Protein backbone atom coordinates (compact mmCIF):
# COMPACT_ATOMS: atom_id res chain seq x y z
CA MET A 1 -33.75 -40.32 -190.45
CA ARG A 2 -36.85 -41.53 -188.32
CA THR A 3 -35.43 -40.65 -185.05
CA GLY A 4 -37.84 -42.09 -181.30
CA ILE A 5 -37.74 -39.95 -178.44
CA TYR A 6 -39.60 -41.94 -175.22
CA GLY A 7 -39.20 -39.67 -171.82
CA GLY A 8 -40.39 -40.43 -168.63
CA THR A 9 -39.17 -40.94 -164.83
CA PHE A 10 -38.29 -44.48 -165.13
CA SER A 11 -37.94 -45.20 -161.65
CA PRO A 12 -37.14 -47.82 -161.86
CA PRO A 13 -37.22 -48.92 -165.45
CA HIS A 14 -39.14 -52.09 -165.95
CA ASP A 15 -40.30 -54.57 -168.45
CA GLY A 16 -43.62 -52.40 -169.31
CA HIS A 17 -40.81 -49.71 -170.43
CA THR A 18 -38.43 -52.25 -172.16
CA GLU A 19 -41.00 -53.71 -174.24
CA ALA A 20 -43.06 -50.45 -175.13
CA ALA A 21 -39.68 -49.06 -176.40
CA LYS A 22 -38.94 -52.62 -178.37
CA HIS A 23 -42.27 -52.52 -179.88
CA PHE A 24 -41.92 -48.77 -180.87
CA LEU A 25 -38.82 -49.10 -182.59
CA LYS A 26 -40.32 -51.54 -184.80
CA GLU A 27 -43.52 -50.32 -185.42
CA ALA A 28 -42.74 -46.67 -186.06
CA GLY A 29 -39.83 -47.89 -188.89
CA LEU A 30 -37.24 -45.72 -186.34
CA ASP A 31 -33.42 -45.26 -187.22
CA ARG A 32 -32.66 -44.84 -183.76
CA LEU A 33 -34.65 -44.42 -180.32
CA ILE A 34 -33.67 -42.16 -177.87
CA ILE A 35 -34.50 -42.82 -174.05
CA MET A 36 -34.88 -39.58 -172.33
CA PRO A 37 -35.00 -39.51 -168.59
CA SER A 38 -36.65 -36.47 -167.20
CA LEU A 39 -34.81 -34.53 -164.37
CA ILE A 40 -37.93 -33.06 -162.92
CA SER A 41 -41.23 -34.12 -163.92
CA PRO A 42 -44.26 -31.78 -164.44
CA HIS A 43 -46.27 -34.81 -164.05
CA LYS A 44 -45.26 -36.30 -161.33
CA PRO A 45 -43.66 -35.47 -157.96
CA THR A 46 -39.75 -36.03 -157.66
CA ALA A 47 -39.08 -38.43 -154.67
CA LYS A 48 -36.41 -36.42 -152.39
CA ASP A 49 -33.84 -38.78 -152.43
CA ASP A 50 -33.84 -39.32 -156.27
CA ASP A 51 -30.39 -39.43 -157.75
CA PRO A 52 -30.97 -39.10 -161.85
CA GLN A 53 -27.60 -40.54 -162.26
CA LYS A 54 -28.80 -43.65 -160.93
CA ARG A 55 -31.74 -43.59 -162.95
CA LEU A 56 -29.44 -43.02 -166.03
CA GLU A 57 -27.32 -46.12 -165.00
CA MET A 58 -30.56 -48.18 -164.61
CA LEU A 59 -31.67 -47.25 -167.96
CA ARG A 60 -28.09 -48.21 -169.30
CA LEU A 61 -28.67 -51.73 -167.97
CA ALA A 62 -32.10 -52.12 -168.99
CA PHE A 63 -31.43 -51.35 -172.75
CA ALA A 64 -27.81 -52.89 -172.91
CA ASP A 65 -28.67 -54.94 -175.60
CA GLU A 66 -30.44 -53.03 -178.04
CA PRO A 67 -27.88 -51.23 -180.40
CA LYS A 68 -30.41 -48.95 -181.70
CA ILE A 69 -31.60 -47.79 -178.52
CA GLY A 70 -29.35 -45.11 -176.67
CA ILE A 71 -29.96 -43.27 -173.25
CA SER A 72 -30.06 -39.65 -173.28
CA ASP A 73 -28.95 -37.10 -170.08
CA TYR A 74 -29.78 -34.01 -172.05
CA GLU A 75 -33.05 -33.02 -169.63
CA ILE A 76 -30.78 -34.01 -166.59
CA GLN A 77 -28.24 -31.75 -167.79
CA LYS A 78 -30.41 -29.06 -168.93
CA GLY A 79 -31.74 -28.89 -165.51
CA GLY A 80 -35.18 -27.65 -164.13
CA VAL A 81 -38.56 -29.05 -164.96
CA SER A 82 -38.47 -31.13 -168.04
CA TYR A 83 -40.82 -29.85 -170.57
CA THR A 84 -41.48 -32.23 -173.50
CA TYR A 85 -41.76 -29.04 -175.87
CA LEU A 86 -38.29 -28.05 -175.55
CA THR A 87 -36.76 -31.33 -175.68
CA LEU A 88 -38.84 -32.05 -179.24
CA GLU A 89 -37.32 -28.73 -180.31
CA HIS A 90 -33.87 -29.37 -179.42
CA PHE A 91 -33.74 -32.54 -181.20
CA LYS A 92 -35.77 -31.42 -184.35
CA ASN A 93 -34.04 -30.47 -187.85
CA ASP A 94 -34.67 -30.63 -191.23
CA GLU A 95 -33.15 -34.07 -191.74
CA THR A 96 -34.96 -35.81 -188.66
CA THR A 97 -38.32 -36.98 -188.42
CA LEU A 98 -39.35 -37.22 -184.44
CA CYS A 99 -41.74 -39.67 -182.94
CA PHE A 100 -42.45 -39.21 -179.69
CA LEU A 101 -44.05 -42.05 -177.59
CA THR A 102 -46.36 -41.39 -174.35
CA GLY A 103 -48.18 -44.22 -172.50
CA SER A 104 -52.29 -43.95 -172.64
CA ASP A 105 -52.66 -42.13 -169.54
CA MET A 106 -50.39 -39.19 -170.67
CA PHE A 107 -51.87 -39.14 -173.85
CA LEU A 108 -55.48 -38.51 -172.88
CA THR A 109 -54.12 -35.35 -171.48
CA LEU A 110 -51.51 -34.04 -173.83
CA ASP A 111 -53.25 -30.99 -174.69
CA GLN A 112 -53.00 -29.82 -170.98
CA TRP A 113 -48.82 -30.09 -171.35
CA ARG A 114 -46.92 -26.91 -171.81
CA GLU A 115 -47.24 -25.66 -175.17
CA PRO A 116 -49.21 -28.80 -176.63
CA GLU A 117 -49.39 -26.98 -180.10
CA ARG A 118 -45.54 -26.85 -180.41
CA ILE A 119 -45.41 -30.57 -179.58
CA PHE A 120 -47.80 -31.46 -181.97
CA ALA A 121 -45.51 -29.65 -184.82
CA CYS A 122 -42.32 -31.10 -183.77
CA ALA A 123 -43.18 -34.85 -183.92
CA GLU A 124 -45.75 -37.68 -184.73
CA ILE A 125 -47.25 -38.85 -181.33
CA TRP A 126 -47.40 -42.45 -180.82
CA CYS A 127 -49.25 -43.84 -178.06
CA ALA A 128 -48.78 -47.18 -176.40
CA SER A 129 -51.79 -48.29 -174.66
CA ARG A 130 -51.04 -49.05 -170.74
CA THR A 131 -53.95 -51.43 -170.22
CA GLY A 132 -54.98 -52.52 -173.62
CA THR A 133 -58.79 -51.88 -173.04
CA ASP A 134 -58.74 -48.37 -173.80
CA ARG A 135 -58.38 -48.56 -177.28
CA ALA A 136 -61.95 -46.59 -178.14
CA GLU A 137 -61.21 -43.42 -175.71
CA LEU A 138 -57.38 -43.20 -177.32
CA GLU A 139 -59.13 -43.01 -180.69
CA ARG A 140 -61.41 -40.52 -179.90
CA LYS A 141 -58.77 -38.21 -178.12
CA LYS A 142 -56.55 -39.14 -181.70
CA ALA A 143 -59.36 -37.42 -183.46
CA GLU A 144 -59.88 -34.34 -181.65
CA TYR A 145 -55.77 -33.71 -181.84
CA GLU A 146 -55.93 -34.31 -185.37
CA LYS A 147 -58.66 -31.91 -186.23
CA LYS A 148 -57.37 -29.33 -183.51
CA TYR A 149 -53.72 -29.07 -184.06
CA GLY A 150 -53.54 -31.02 -187.60
CA ALA A 151 -51.55 -33.52 -185.44
CA VAL A 152 -50.04 -36.95 -186.63
CA CYS A 153 -51.02 -39.37 -184.14
CA ARG A 154 -50.43 -43.20 -184.32
CA ILE A 155 -51.94 -45.80 -181.63
CA CYS A 156 -49.50 -48.63 -181.16
CA GLU A 157 -50.54 -52.07 -181.99
CA CYS A 158 -48.26 -53.72 -179.84
CA PRO A 159 -49.74 -55.67 -176.68
CA ALA A 160 -50.07 -53.85 -173.32
CA VAL A 161 -47.88 -54.73 -170.76
CA VAL A 162 -49.18 -53.93 -167.51
CA VAL A 163 -46.60 -52.88 -165.01
CA SER A 164 -46.73 -50.12 -162.36
CA SER A 165 -43.80 -48.54 -161.01
CA THR A 166 -45.39 -47.74 -158.06
CA ASP A 167 -45.81 -51.27 -157.13
CA VAL A 168 -42.45 -52.32 -158.11
CA ARG A 169 -40.84 -49.85 -155.31
CA ARG A 170 -43.47 -50.99 -153.05
CA ALA A 171 -42.37 -54.83 -153.52
CA LEU A 172 -38.63 -54.03 -153.32
CA ARG A 173 -39.32 -51.96 -149.99
CA GLU A 174 -41.44 -54.82 -148.37
CA GLY A 175 -38.37 -57.23 -149.30
CA ASN A 176 -39.79 -58.86 -152.48
CA ARG A 177 -38.36 -59.37 -155.47
CA PRO A 178 -40.45 -58.01 -158.55
CA GLY A 179 -40.72 -60.10 -161.75
CA ASN A 180 -40.37 -57.40 -164.31
CA LEU A 181 -37.05 -55.90 -163.52
CA SER A 182 -34.44 -57.46 -165.86
CA ASP A 183 -31.62 -59.15 -163.69
CA GLY A 184 -29.14 -56.06 -164.23
CA VAL A 185 -31.74 -53.49 -162.93
CA TYR A 186 -32.79 -55.67 -160.10
CA ASP A 187 -28.82 -56.44 -158.87
CA TYR A 188 -28.38 -52.61 -159.10
CA ILE A 189 -31.28 -51.33 -157.08
CA VAL A 190 -30.42 -54.15 -154.53
CA LYS A 191 -26.49 -53.55 -154.31
CA ASN A 192 -27.41 -49.30 -154.08
CA ASP A 193 -30.44 -50.00 -151.96
CA LEU A 194 -32.58 -47.83 -153.97
CA TYR A 195 -36.51 -48.11 -152.98
CA GLY A 196 -35.37 -49.64 -149.77
CA ALA A 197 -34.28 -52.81 -151.77
CA LYS A 198 -31.97 -53.83 -149.12
CA ASN A 199 -35.16 -55.25 -147.18
CA VAL A 200 -34.74 -58.34 -149.72
CA TYR A 201 -31.36 -59.12 -148.05
CA ILE A 202 -32.88 -58.26 -144.59
CA LYS A 203 -35.84 -60.28 -145.32
CA GLU A 204 -34.02 -63.36 -146.06
CA TYR A 205 -31.58 -62.90 -143.50
CA ILE A 206 -34.73 -62.43 -140.57
CA LYS A 207 -36.69 -66.05 -142.34
CA ASN A 208 -33.24 -67.96 -141.89
CA ASN A 209 -32.15 -66.88 -138.52
CA LEU A 210 -35.33 -66.40 -136.48
CA SER A 211 -38.08 -69.09 -135.61
CA GLU A 212 -41.01 -69.42 -137.69
CA LYS A 213 -43.27 -67.74 -135.16
CA ARG A 214 -40.48 -64.81 -134.37
CA TYR A 215 -40.13 -64.22 -138.43
CA LYS A 216 -43.96 -64.23 -138.93
CA HIS A 217 -44.29 -61.79 -136.28
CA SER A 218 -41.72 -59.60 -137.87
CA LEU A 219 -43.32 -59.27 -140.70
CA GLY A 220 -46.67 -58.51 -139.05
CA VAL A 221 -44.64 -55.37 -137.60
CA ALA A 222 -43.30 -54.46 -140.97
CA ASP A 223 -46.54 -54.65 -142.71
CA THR A 224 -48.56 -53.08 -139.89
CA ALA A 225 -46.03 -50.05 -139.70
CA GLU A 226 -46.22 -49.63 -143.65
CA ASN A 227 -49.42 -49.10 -143.66
CA ILE A 228 -50.16 -46.80 -140.91
CA GLY A 229 -47.08 -44.66 -142.61
CA GLU A 230 -48.84 -44.91 -145.60
CA ALA A 231 -52.41 -43.77 -143.86
CA LEU A 232 -50.31 -40.41 -143.05
CA GLY A 233 -49.19 -39.92 -146.59
CA LEU A 234 -45.64 -40.32 -145.60
CA PRO A 235 -42.81 -40.67 -148.47
CA GLU A 236 -41.96 -43.86 -149.77
CA SER A 237 -38.45 -43.44 -148.12
CA LYS A 238 -39.82 -43.11 -144.73
CA LEU A 239 -41.97 -46.01 -145.50
CA SER A 240 -39.08 -48.37 -146.54
CA LYS A 241 -37.45 -47.46 -143.16
CA LEU A 242 -40.74 -48.41 -141.23
CA ILE A 243 -40.55 -51.78 -142.97
CA ARG A 244 -36.69 -52.06 -142.21
CA ALA A 245 -37.41 -51.40 -138.67
CA GLY A 246 -40.04 -53.80 -138.54
CA LEU A 247 -38.22 -56.85 -140.06
CA CYS A 248 -35.21 -56.20 -137.71
CA HIS A 249 -37.00 -55.32 -134.15
CA ASP A 250 -36.62 -58.70 -132.86
CA VAL A 251 -33.47 -59.19 -135.07
CA SER A 252 -31.35 -60.39 -131.29
CA LYS A 253 -34.47 -61.50 -129.18
CA GLU A 254 -33.59 -65.43 -129.47
CA LEU A 255 -30.05 -65.13 -128.79
CA PRO A 256 -28.80 -65.81 -125.25
CA THR A 257 -28.36 -62.91 -122.97
CA GLU A 258 -24.57 -63.27 -122.86
CA GLU A 259 -24.56 -62.97 -126.94
CA GLN A 260 -26.89 -60.06 -126.51
CA LEU A 261 -24.54 -58.66 -124.08
CA ALA A 262 -21.45 -59.07 -126.33
CA LEU A 263 -23.11 -57.22 -129.34
CA LEU A 264 -23.16 -53.99 -127.27
CA ASP A 265 -20.30 -51.48 -127.13
CA GLU A 266 -20.74 -50.80 -123.48
CA LYS A 267 -22.60 -52.44 -120.71
CA PRO A 268 -26.11 -51.40 -120.35
CA ASP A 269 -28.16 -49.72 -117.67
CA GLU A 270 -29.21 -51.71 -114.98
CA ASP A 271 -32.75 -51.71 -115.97
CA TYR A 272 -32.03 -53.94 -118.76
CA ILE A 273 -31.00 -56.62 -116.45
CA LYS A 274 -33.94 -56.10 -114.25
CA VAL A 275 -35.95 -56.20 -117.06
CA PRO A 276 -34.53 -58.95 -119.37
CA LEU A 277 -37.27 -58.70 -122.22
CA THR A 278 -36.36 -55.16 -122.76
CA LEU A 279 -32.43 -56.22 -123.68
CA HIS A 280 -33.05 -57.06 -127.28
CA GLN A 281 -34.24 -53.61 -128.48
CA ILE A 282 -30.76 -52.12 -127.80
CA SER A 283 -28.69 -55.43 -128.67
CA GLY A 284 -31.12 -55.62 -131.94
CA ALA A 285 -30.43 -52.18 -132.97
CA ALA A 286 -26.85 -52.58 -132.83
CA LEU A 287 -26.69 -56.02 -134.80
CA ALA A 288 -29.01 -54.85 -137.09
CA LYS A 289 -26.95 -51.47 -137.68
CA LYS A 290 -23.57 -54.21 -137.91
CA LEU A 291 -25.36 -56.56 -140.44
CA PHE A 292 -27.10 -53.85 -142.50
CA SER A 293 -25.55 -50.67 -141.89
CA LEU A 294 -28.72 -49.06 -140.52
CA ASP A 295 -28.96 -45.09 -140.31
CA LYS A 296 -29.40 -43.87 -136.91
CA GLU A 297 -33.22 -43.01 -137.98
CA THR A 298 -34.13 -46.84 -138.55
CA GLU A 299 -31.48 -47.59 -135.75
CA ASP A 300 -33.66 -45.57 -133.13
CA MET A 301 -37.01 -46.97 -134.18
CA ILE A 302 -35.59 -50.48 -133.19
CA LYS A 303 -33.62 -49.04 -129.97
CA TYR A 304 -36.65 -48.23 -128.19
CA HIS A 305 -39.69 -50.26 -129.35
CA CYS A 306 -39.94 -52.08 -126.05
CA THR A 307 -39.53 -49.12 -123.50
CA GLY A 308 -40.45 -45.82 -125.49
CA ALA A 309 -37.90 -42.97 -124.97
CA PRO A 310 -38.40 -39.13 -124.27
CA GLY A 311 -38.64 -37.35 -127.55
CA MET A 312 -39.63 -40.08 -129.71
CA SER A 313 -40.39 -39.19 -133.50
CA LEU A 314 -43.59 -40.34 -135.37
CA CYS A 315 -41.83 -43.19 -136.95
CA ASP A 316 -40.30 -44.54 -133.24
CA LYS A 317 -44.01 -44.28 -132.37
CA ILE A 318 -45.50 -46.37 -135.21
CA VAL A 319 -43.26 -49.12 -134.80
CA PHE A 320 -43.54 -49.30 -131.10
CA LEU A 321 -47.54 -49.58 -131.64
CA SER A 322 -46.99 -52.15 -134.52
CA ASP A 323 -45.10 -53.91 -132.40
CA PHE A 324 -48.35 -54.37 -130.10
CA ILE A 325 -51.29 -54.43 -132.80
CA GLU A 326 -50.16 -55.93 -135.75
CA PRO A 327 -52.53 -58.85 -136.47
CA GLY A 328 -50.43 -61.75 -135.18
CA ARG A 329 -50.86 -60.54 -131.72
CA GLU A 330 -53.52 -62.43 -129.85
CA TYR A 331 -52.70 -61.23 -126.07
CA GLU A 332 -56.12 -59.49 -124.81
CA ALA A 333 -54.50 -56.57 -124.40
CA CYS A 334 -53.25 -56.22 -127.88
CA ARG A 335 -56.37 -57.25 -129.19
CA ARG A 336 -58.06 -54.40 -127.58
CA LEU A 337 -55.47 -51.72 -128.29
CA ARG A 338 -55.69 -52.73 -131.85
CA LYS A 339 -59.33 -52.49 -131.93
CA GLU A 340 -59.38 -49.03 -130.44
CA PHE A 341 -56.49 -47.60 -132.75
CA TYR A 342 -58.11 -48.48 -135.95
CA SER A 343 -61.77 -47.61 -134.92
CA LYS A 344 -60.31 -43.92 -135.56
CA GLU A 345 -58.56 -42.27 -138.84
CA ILE A 346 -55.39 -42.55 -138.46
CA THR A 347 -53.72 -39.14 -137.86
CA GLU A 348 -50.58 -38.13 -136.02
CA ALA A 349 -52.74 -37.01 -133.37
CA HIS A 350 -54.35 -40.62 -132.88
CA ILE A 351 -50.97 -41.87 -132.99
CA ASN A 352 -49.71 -40.06 -129.91
CA GLU A 353 -52.60 -40.64 -127.84
CA THR A 354 -52.51 -44.18 -128.50
CA PHE A 355 -48.90 -44.22 -127.84
CA ILE A 356 -49.45 -42.66 -124.51
CA THR A 357 -52.50 -45.38 -123.94
CA CYS A 358 -50.21 -47.86 -124.45
CA CYS A 359 -47.40 -46.81 -122.27
CA LYS A 360 -49.90 -46.63 -119.36
CA ARG A 361 -51.38 -49.83 -119.95
CA GLN A 362 -47.69 -51.00 -119.76
CA LEU A 363 -46.76 -49.54 -116.62
CA ASP A 364 -50.27 -50.71 -114.94
CA HIS A 365 -50.13 -54.03 -116.21
CA ILE A 366 -46.22 -54.63 -114.87
CA GLU A 367 -47.44 -53.17 -111.54
CA GLU A 368 -50.23 -54.88 -110.79
CA LYS A 369 -48.19 -58.04 -111.77
CA GLY A 370 -45.48 -56.74 -109.33
CA GLY A 371 -42.44 -56.92 -111.83
CA ALA A 372 -39.45 -54.20 -112.42
CA VAL A 373 -40.39 -51.68 -114.83
CA HIS A 374 -37.57 -50.05 -116.84
CA HIS A 375 -37.23 -46.41 -116.06
CA LEU A 376 -37.58 -45.66 -119.86
CA THR A 377 -41.16 -46.55 -119.73
CA ARG A 378 -42.01 -44.34 -116.63
CA LEU A 379 -40.02 -41.65 -117.87
CA THR A 380 -41.85 -41.80 -121.77
CA TYR A 381 -45.00 -41.87 -119.86
CA ILE A 382 -44.64 -39.09 -117.67
CA THR A 383 -43.03 -36.94 -120.68
CA GLU A 384 -45.53 -37.37 -122.78
CA VAL A 385 -48.26 -36.66 -120.50
CA ASN A 386 -46.49 -33.36 -119.83
CA LYS A 387 -46.16 -32.93 -123.66
CA MET A 388 -49.78 -33.24 -124.33
CA ALA A 389 -50.77 -30.88 -121.26
CA GLU A 390 -48.59 -28.24 -122.66
CA ASN A 391 -50.22 -28.41 -125.94
CA GLU A 392 -53.43 -28.12 -124.24
CA LYS A 393 -52.15 -24.64 -124.06
CA LYS A 394 -53.87 -24.01 -127.03
CA LEU A 395 -52.52 -21.63 -129.41
CA ASP A 396 -55.66 -18.96 -130.09
CA LEU A 397 -56.13 -17.97 -133.52
CA THR A 398 -59.74 -16.57 -133.61
CA ASN A 399 -58.48 -12.91 -133.81
CA ALA A 400 -55.38 -13.14 -135.62
CA ASP A 401 -53.91 -11.19 -138.51
CA SER A 402 -54.20 -12.95 -141.77
CA ASN A 403 -50.31 -12.58 -141.67
CA VAL A 404 -50.10 -14.65 -138.67
CA ILE A 405 -52.66 -17.29 -139.96
CA SER A 406 -51.10 -17.96 -143.00
CA GLU A 407 -47.46 -18.14 -141.66
CA GLN A 408 -48.95 -20.91 -138.63
CA ILE A 409 -50.36 -22.87 -141.81
CA ARG A 410 -46.84 -22.89 -143.31
CA LEU A 411 -45.25 -24.53 -140.16
CA ILE A 412 -48.24 -27.10 -139.84
CA LEU A 413 -47.70 -27.91 -143.69
CA ASP A 414 -43.68 -27.80 -143.36
CA GLU A 415 -43.91 -30.43 -140.23
CA LYS A 416 -45.92 -32.55 -142.35
CA LEU A 417 -43.27 -32.56 -144.91
CA ALA A 418 -44.94 -30.72 -148.03
CA LYS A 419 -42.38 -29.09 -150.44
CA HIS A 420 -42.20 -25.79 -151.97
CA ILE A 421 -44.68 -23.92 -149.78
CA GLU A 422 -45.40 -20.29 -150.66
CA ILE A 423 -47.07 -17.67 -148.79
CA ILE A 424 -48.21 -14.98 -151.54
CA PRO A 425 -49.98 -11.66 -150.41
CA VAL A 426 -52.85 -10.76 -152.80
CA ARG A 427 -54.94 -8.46 -150.99
CA ASP A 428 -53.65 -5.68 -153.04
CA LYS A 429 -54.97 -7.60 -156.28
CA THR A 430 -58.06 -9.06 -155.06
CA VAL A 431 -61.22 -8.99 -152.34
CA MET A 432 -61.31 -12.40 -152.52
CA THR A 433 -58.50 -13.20 -149.53
CA ASP A 434 -55.40 -11.57 -147.72
CA TYR A 435 -53.06 -14.22 -148.37
CA PHE A 436 -52.71 -17.71 -150.64
CA VAL A 437 -50.88 -20.45 -149.18
CA ILE A 438 -49.45 -23.09 -151.78
CA ALA A 439 -47.83 -26.03 -151.46
CA ASN A 440 -46.89 -29.50 -152.86
CA ALA A 441 -48.04 -32.62 -151.58
CA GLN A 442 -45.64 -35.78 -152.48
CA SER A 443 -48.88 -37.91 -153.75
CA THR A 444 -52.58 -37.64 -153.53
CA THR A 445 -52.85 -39.44 -150.35
CA HIS A 446 -50.22 -37.25 -149.03
CA VAL A 447 -52.91 -34.04 -150.27
CA LYS A 448 -55.41 -35.34 -148.08
CA ALA A 449 -52.75 -35.85 -145.02
CA LEU A 450 -51.90 -32.43 -145.52
CA ALA A 451 -55.23 -30.87 -145.73
CA ASP A 452 -56.44 -33.10 -142.85
CA GLU A 453 -53.73 -31.77 -140.59
CA VAL A 454 -54.06 -28.16 -141.42
CA GLU A 455 -58.13 -28.48 -140.86
CA TYR A 456 -57.18 -30.32 -137.35
CA LYS A 457 -54.31 -27.82 -136.09
CA LEU A 458 -56.30 -24.48 -137.04
CA GLY A 459 -59.33 -26.46 -135.92
CA GLU A 460 -57.67 -26.41 -132.34
CA ALA A 461 -56.48 -23.11 -132.30
CA GLY A 462 -60.58 -22.11 -133.01
CA LEU A 463 -60.38 -21.46 -136.57
CA LYS A 464 -62.91 -23.27 -138.85
CA PRO A 465 -62.63 -23.37 -142.85
CA LEU A 466 -65.62 -21.49 -144.61
CA HIS A 467 -65.10 -23.96 -147.51
CA MET A 468 -63.32 -26.89 -148.78
CA ASP A 469 -62.80 -28.90 -151.93
CA GLY A 470 -61.26 -31.64 -152.61
CA GLN A 471 -61.31 -35.88 -152.19
CA LEU A 472 -59.64 -38.24 -151.28
CA GLY A 473 -57.11 -39.51 -154.35
CA GLY A 474 -57.26 -36.07 -155.69
CA ASP A 475 -54.72 -33.93 -156.83
CA TRP A 476 -55.59 -30.89 -155.47
CA TYR A 477 -57.02 -29.88 -152.05
CA VAL A 478 -58.53 -26.26 -151.12
CA LEU A 479 -59.11 -24.93 -147.70
CA ASP A 480 -60.69 -21.66 -147.56
CA TYR A 481 -60.43 -19.86 -144.38
CA GLY A 482 -61.71 -16.20 -145.51
CA VAL A 483 -58.14 -14.39 -145.26
CA VAL A 484 -56.23 -17.05 -146.05
CA ILE A 485 -57.15 -19.51 -148.80
CA VAL A 486 -55.09 -23.05 -148.86
CA HIS A 487 -54.26 -24.97 -151.70
CA ILE A 488 -52.38 -28.15 -151.53
CA PHE A 489 -51.26 -29.78 -155.13
CA VAL A 490 -49.19 -32.92 -156.49
CA GLY A 491 -46.87 -31.36 -158.68
CA ALA A 492 -48.41 -31.70 -161.89
CA ALA A 493 -51.48 -30.22 -160.56
CA ARG A 494 -49.60 -27.00 -159.48
CA GLU A 495 -47.94 -26.67 -162.43
CA PHE A 496 -51.27 -27.41 -164.82
CA TYR A 497 -53.13 -24.92 -162.81
CA LYS A 498 -50.02 -21.86 -162.63
CA LEU A 499 -51.41 -20.01 -159.43
CA ASP A 500 -48.16 -19.06 -158.41
CA ARG A 501 -47.58 -17.19 -161.96
CA LEU A 502 -51.24 -15.64 -161.64
CA TRP A 503 -49.60 -13.55 -159.02
CA GLN A 504 -46.02 -13.75 -159.72
CA ASP A 505 -45.38 -9.67 -159.68
CA LYS A 506 -45.79 -10.56 -155.64
CA SER A 507 -42.75 -11.48 -153.72
CA PRO A 508 -43.58 -14.69 -152.15
CA ILE A 509 -42.30 -15.81 -148.55
CA GLN A 510 -40.65 -18.97 -149.70
CA SER A 511 -40.00 -22.10 -146.98
CA PRO A 512 -36.45 -23.26 -146.81
CA GLU A 513 -35.11 -25.43 -149.42
CA GLU A 514 -35.31 -29.12 -148.60
């Protein structure tokens, strides 16, 4: 029996996956094809909110009409990182010829996977081109594998269906329907609000219930907030919430005051009557929550987007600023703030500084015009100024012990949503350094964002790296502070280089599980 194995994250399964599977089934002469979703991929970061059971269900829907194609939960049930050689050895027997399908990007690095010789010993390797333009490169690698490992490799003749899962997820969170999902998979995604897909409904509602001018402004705020979040390396789950808040922030603004007040559970503070243009932030939050079952984090992004509030989160501030600087805003104050904001690299510190500037200018403008100021606007400005003054009492690490420095780095990485942070003492094993601090980023953009934050925060504390190595879009970044060396990886790179295991006789200090 010829059995095919086609593995991956399938998040979500799209036309590129289904077409590759169907061609593989036919071209390899398979009696059956097993689709194998991974639990934790060694090659790609796993989203924090990933639900493997939902990925299984989407795959069942995607291949519902293919009797020779089955969906296996073997790797999900097994638990842990999904290594291909273990899966192939599990399904290998004397009566079965295994054929393993991989895309061209994975095929070209197959010799860097865990136990590649065991992979080649277990199965014929079939490669489906992702682009259709890399045939010569694939043939060279095929010859290398055949010579080095005695492998049996085949390059599929099927035409490439170029689809990116990242682009599919982006379209969904931006409220657009991708053209490369089956109806069943798409309906399931939207029903379960996977990848922020409820934004499709929200965008349609906003379009149908706001004026064209207000609708375009809402799209501009959503797009600006997403772009700022991406520049900071925020995870996709945060980006979808930023977009959702941007779409909804003015959802009630065009309603009469009486209707806005009726949306509230209790009478609002008198300042909302004195400054009626701010009322829509709380009525909008209430309406959006009622219509779309918003979580509290997204509700708060809407709730204070006009006045601000003490203790605003980073995402709250992003939506607040996006409302001012989105490209459609033509007021002189907005143009000025937009120019200033984009004149520097987008960092959390820059956002905080711009936020204070925006609050101050609001106060000055309102007072100059003799208008009423909402108490939250004044309180927000005072709070942020005091916070900045407190932060200026800088932490001084210039003479700190290496264990103090490494712990400070861990705190910085944890605050910026790094995962699997480890502090590994190595002073007894090498003269190179006292500690390695190793952490996972959730994307290559997040790698750079984490490295920038460590460099910035330690620089504020008086420490400059002796050496840095890495680049924008890279999957590994190193900052060498002499007594502490920081390594920031995407998951696949960390697994490949295995730095943790080189020092595994030491007991790492691990961050709390997320």
